[in-house]
Amino acid sequence: MNRICLSFRIALCGLAVLLSGPSLAQAARDGLPPQPLNAGDCAAYFWERSEPHALIAVVTLTRGDGLLWQDGGAIAFTLPVFGDDSIRVGDMLAWDIVPAGARLEGEITEQRGEDYVLSRAFVRRTLADGALEVTPLVGLAGCNDRAEP
């Protein structure tokens, strides 16, 4: 199995915002808050490309759940579990997030060690007036390979 590993060097740079499960009460005003990733879980994280790089979405690939920041609040969602053994550079990760009426996509464009960079990423939704809203994103996919305590 090809395990991807979320490294501590990324966490120290402030780019790895980790998810332990949906925590709507902790949602930040301008994006999702950082949360620890459970041992053994794999996830994909998506930040706005523009400053201040707010965390917009987190999808826990191994549990099939996540959070999406939309209209000033966090929306919890569930998806089919995505196996981490088939991720490769060039793959497109895409999810329809039904509760939010949104589509989240990101292409795996680079592998850095055991981590994967998600470029050409965006969240797209149709607004009530019919306008299409597209938010450019950048992302990272990885795993926490630590053993459970």
Foldseek 3Di string as FASTA:
>chain_A
DQAFADDVVCVVVVNDQEDCDDDFVQQDQQARHRDHHAAPWKKKWKFFPDPPGHTAKMATQQFQKIWGDDPRGIDIAGGPRHDPPPDDQQDKDWDQGVVVQKIWIFGFHDQDPRKTKTAPIWIWHQDPVRDIDITHIIMIIHHRNDDHD
